[in-house]
Amino acid sequence: MYTRTNRKKARIKRHQRIRKNLHGTLERPRLAVYKSLHHIYAQIIDDLSGKTLISASTVEPEAKKKIKGSSGNTESAKVIGKLIAERALAQGVKQVVFDRGGHIFHGRVAALAEAAREGGLEF
């Protein structure tokens, strides 16, 4: 009998497989991306201390002002990428390790990464 795969469980499994070899340090923290149907979130995390250093998402009022229309498209992902890069450079973080969160590097995830690179982050 055919069993339908659970997409959320498959993404979590991919993310765990990626995270086995991906660690953020204070010198080079991890830029983690999570996307839902309507929003996109980005965090810069120091895995050694287990703390989030910087975050940005489409839920924030500052980001909502810059986003025109839907917050679940590539344009909003570009805004969040630029915002996270600005905040990171303000705190002295220039190099990061990119964690796509089990998502395919395509669409909104790629748009966020490209905007962060244009904003000055190196990965």
C-alpha atoms as a PDB file:
ATOM      1  CA  MET A   1       0.000   0.000   0.000  1.00  0.00           C
ATOM      2  CA  TYR A   2       1.197   3.510  -0.799  1.00  0.00           C
ATOM      3  CA  THR A   3       2.191   5.643   2.197  1.00  0.00           C
ATOM      4  CA  ARG A   4       2.388   9.360   1.694  1.00  0.00           C
ATOM      5  CA  THR A   5       5.563  10.966   3.040  1.00  0.00           C
ATOM      6  CA  ASN A   6       5.230  13.664   5.635  1.00  0.00           C
ATOM      7  CA  ARG A   7       6.942  16.752   4.182  1.00  0.00           C
ATOM      8  CA  LYS A   8       7.575  18.376   7.570  1.00  0.00           C
ATOM      9  CA  LYS A   9       9.251  15.252   8.962  1.00  0.00           C
ATOM     10  CA  ALA A  10      11.355  14.944   5.804  1.00  0.00           C
ATOM     11  CA  ARG A  11      12.526  18.571   6.132  1.00  0.00           C
ATOM     12  CA  ILE A  12      13.402  18.076   9.811  1.00  0.00           C
ATOM     13  CA  LYS A  13      15.342  14.923   8.917  1.00  0.00           C
ATOM     14  CA  ARG A  14      17.282  16.823   6.221  1.00  0.00           C
ATOM     15  CA  HIS A  15      17.977  19.647   8.678  1.00  0.00           C
ATOM     16  CA  GLN A  16      19.336  17.227  11.289  1.00  0.00           C
ATOM     17  CA  ARG A  17      21.580  15.645   8.658  1.00  0.00           C
ATOM     18  CA  ILE A  18      22.928  19.082   7.698  1.00  0.00           C
ATOM     19  CA  ARG A  19      23.381  20.197  11.313  1.00  0.00           C
ATOM     20  CA  LYS A  20      25.638  17.239  12.131  1.00  0.00           C
ATOM     21  CA  ASN A  21      28.478  18.996  10.307  1.00  0.00           C
ATOM     22  CA  LEU A  22      27.448  22.652  10.617  1.00  0.00           C
ATOM     23  CA  HIS A  23      28.410  24.585  13.759  1.00  0.00           C
ATOM     24  CA  GLY A  24      28.451  28.279  14.498  1.00  0.00           C
ATOM     25  CA  THR A  25      31.130  29.845  16.691  1.00  0.00           C
ATOM     26  CA  LEU A  26      31.482  33.327  18.117  1.00  0.00           C
ATOM     27  CA  GLU A  27      33.952  34.241  15.333  1.00  0.00           C
ATOM     28  CA  ARG A  28      31.749  32.694  12.623  1.00  0.00           C
ATOM     29  CA  PRO A  29      28.149  32.235  13.835  1.00  0.00           C
ATOM     30  CA  ARG A  30      25.421  30.329  12.018  1.00  0.00           C
ATOM     31  CA  LEU A  31      22.825  32.142   9.884  1.00  0.00           C
ATOM     32  CA  ALA A  32      19.742  29.941  10.267  1.00  0.00           C
ATOM     33  CA  VAL A  33      16.748  30.385   7.963  1.00  0.00           C
ATOM     34  CA  TYR A  34      13.213  29.165   8.612  1.00  0.00           C
ATOM     35  CA  LYS A  35      10.304  29.766   6.299  1.00  0.00           C
ATOM     36  CA  SER A  36       6.624  29.187   6.750  1.00  0.00           C
ATOM     37  CA  LEU A  37       3.860  29.660   4.233  1.00  0.00           C
ATOM     38  CA  HIS A  38       3.384  33.335   5.092  1.00  0.00           C
ATOM     39  CA  HIS A  39       6.636  34.457   6.755  1.00  0.00           C
ATOM     40  CA  ILE A  40      10.417  34.018   6.706  1.00  0.00           C
ATOM     41  CA  TYR A  41      12.723  34.193   9.712  1.00  0.00           C
ATOM     42  CA  ALA A  42      16.511  34.559   9.972  1.00  0.00           C
ATOM     43  CA  GLN A  43      18.687  34.238  13.062  1.00  0.00           C
ATOM     44  CA  ILE A  44      22.406  34.517  13.653  1.00  0.00           C
ATOM     45  CA  ILE A  45      23.277  31.984  16.340  1.00  0.00           C
ATOM     46  CA  ASP A  46      26.385  31.215  18.405  1.00  0.00           C
ATOM     47  CA  ASP A  47      26.104  27.444  18.901  1.00  0.00           C
ATOM     48  CA  LEU A  48      28.879  27.262  21.500  1.00  0.00           C
ATOM     49  CA  SER A  49      26.937  29.397  23.991  1.00  0.00           C
ATOM     50  CA  GLY A  50      23.533  28.473  22.540  1.00  0.00           C
ATOM     51  CA  LYS A  51      22.434  32.075  22.117  1.00  0.00           C
ATOM     52  CA  THR A  52      20.773  33.989  19.311  1.00  0.00           C
ATOM     53  CA  LEU A  53      22.866  37.069  18.594  1.00  0.00           C
ATOM     54  CA  ILE A  54      20.720  38.745  15.918  1.00  0.00           C
ATOM     55  CA  SER A  55      17.320  38.041  14.407  1.00  0.00           C
ATOM     56  CA  ALA A  56      15.014  39.408  11.728  1.00  0.00           C
ATOM     57  CA  SER A  57      11.662  38.287  10.384  1.00  0.00           C
ATOM     58  CA  THR A  58       8.694  39.452   8.342  1.00  0.00           C
ATOM     59  CA  VAL A  59       6.634  39.572  11.555  1.00  0.00           C
ATOM     60  CA  GLU A  60       8.556  42.580  12.909  1.00  0.00           C
ATOM     61  CA  PRO A  61       6.990  46.036  12.516  1.00  0.00           C
ATOM     62  CA  GLU A  62      10.251  47.466  11.106  1.00  0.00           C
ATOM     63  CA  ALA A  63      10.271  44.858   8.340  1.00  0.00           C
ATOM     64  CA  LYS A  64       6.534  45.186   7.665  1.00  0.00           C
ATOM     65  CA  LYS A  65       7.028  48.854   6.811  1.00  0.00           C
ATOM     66  CA  LYS A  66       9.532  47.941   4.076  1.00  0.00           C
ATOM     67  CA  ILE A  67       7.514  45.053   2.623  1.00  0.00           C
ATOM     68  CA  LYS A  68       4.885  45.860   0.040  1.00  0.00           C
ATOM     69  CA  GLY A  69       2.154  43.256  -0.350  1.00  0.00           C
ATOM     70  CA  SER A  70       2.557  39.677   0.819  1.00  0.00           C
ATOM     71  CA  SER A  71       5.232  38.723   3.343  1.00  0.00           C
ATOM     72  CA  GLY A  72       5.614  35.235   1.878  1.00  0.00           C
ATOM     73  CA  ASN A  73       7.371  36.081  -1.386  1.00  0.00           C
ATOM     74  CA  THR A  74      10.942  36.546  -2.617  1.00  0.00           C
ATOM     75  CA  GLU A  75      10.773  40.340  -2.309  1.00  0.00           C
ATOM     76  CA  SER A  76      10.118  40.081   1.424  1.00  0.00           C
ATOM     77  CA  ALA A  77      12.950  37.541   1.731  1.00  0.00           C
ATOM     78  CA  LYS A  78      15.306  40.078   0.131  1.00  0.00           C
ATOM     79  CA  VAL A  79      14.219  42.703   2.673  1.00  0.00           C
ATOM     80  CA  ILE A  80      14.922  40.306   5.549  1.00  0.00           C
ATOM     81  CA  GLY A  81      18.311  39.394   4.063  1.00  0.00           C
ATOM     82  CA  LYS A  82      19.339  43.044   3.894  1.00  0.00           C
ATOM     83  CA  LEU A  83      17.979  43.694   7.391  1.00  0.00           C
ATOM     84  CA  ILE A  84      19.867  40.782   8.967  1.00  0.00           C
ATOM     85  CA  ALA A  85      23.074  41.878   7.200  1.00  0.00           C
ATOM     86  CA  GLU A  86      22.719  45.457   8.487  1.00  0.00           C
ATOM     87  CA  ARG A  87      22.151  44.269  12.041  1.00  0.00           C
ATOM     88  CA  ALA A  88      25.046  41.810  11.861  1.00  0.00           C
ATOM     89  CA  LEU A  89      27.521  44.390  10.573  1.00  0.00           C
ATOM     90  CA  ALA A  90      26.378  46.813  13.293  1.00  0.00           C
ATOM     91  CA  GLN A  91      27.327  44.195  15.912  1.00  0.00           C
ATOM     92  CA  GLY A  92      30.632  43.365  14.228  1.00  0.00           C
ATOM     93  CA  VAL A  93      29.657  40.047  12.628  1.00  0.00           C
ATOM     94  CA  LYS A  94      30.984  39.823   9.083  1.00  0.00           C
ATOM     95  CA  GLN A  95      31.434  36.090   8.404  1.00  0.00           C
ATOM     96  CA  VAL A  96      28.706  33.505   8.979  1.00  0.00           C
ATOM     97  CA  VAL A  97      27.935  29.876   8.186  1.00  0.00           C
ATOM     98  CA  PHE A  98      24.701  29.536   6.188  1.00  0.00           C
ATOM     99  CA  ASP A  99      22.118  27.032   7.446  1.00  0.00           C
ATOM    100  CA  ARG A 100      19.250  26.613   4.991  1.00  0.00           C
ATOM    101  CA  GLY A 101      17.186  24.690   7.552  1.00  0.00           C
ATOM    102  CA  GLY A 102      16.545  21.640   5.395  1.00  0.00           C
ATOM    103  CA  HIS A 103      14.944  23.730   2.669  1.00  0.00           C
ATOM    104  CA  ILE A 104      16.118  23.643  -0.934  1.00  0.00           C
ATOM    105  CA  PHE A 105      18.459  26.535  -1.820  1.00  0.00           C
ATOM    106  CA  HIS A 106      15.912  28.018  -4.182  1.00  0.00           C
ATOM    107  CA  GLY A 107      13.322  30.786  -4.206  1.00  0.00           C
ATOM    108  CA  ARG A 108      12.916  32.617  -0.901  1.00  0.00           C
ATOM    109  CA  VAL A 109      15.905  30.943   0.790  1.00  0.00           C
ATOM    110  CA  ALA A 110      18.214  31.842  -2.104  1.00  0.00           C
ATOM    111  CA  ALA A 111      16.810  35.395  -2.255  1.00  0.00           C
ATOM    112  CA  LEU A 112      17.508  35.906   1.454  1.00  0.00           C
ATOM    113  CA  ALA A 113      21.049  34.544   1.089  1.00  0.00           C
ATOM    114  CA  GLU A 114      21.807  36.709  -1.950  1.00  0.00           C
ATOM    115  CA  ALA A 115      20.489  39.851  -0.217  1.00  0.00           C
ATOM    116  CA  ALA A 116      22.587  39.078   2.882  1.00  0.00           C
ATOM    117  CA  ARG A 117      25.674  38.726   0.683  1.00  0.00           C
ATOM    118  CA  GLU A 118      24.914  42.028  -1.026  1.00  0.00           C
ATOM    119  CA  GLY A 119      24.457  43.575   2.430  1.00  0.00           C
ATOM    120  CA  GLY A 120      28.024  42.639   3.372  1.00  0.00           C
ATOM    121  CA  LEU A 121      27.894  39.202   4.995  1.00  0.00           C
ATOM    122  CA  GLU A 122      30.425  36.631   3.822  1.00  0.00           C
ATOM    123  CA  PHE A 123      29.528  32.955   3.443  1.00  0.00           C
END
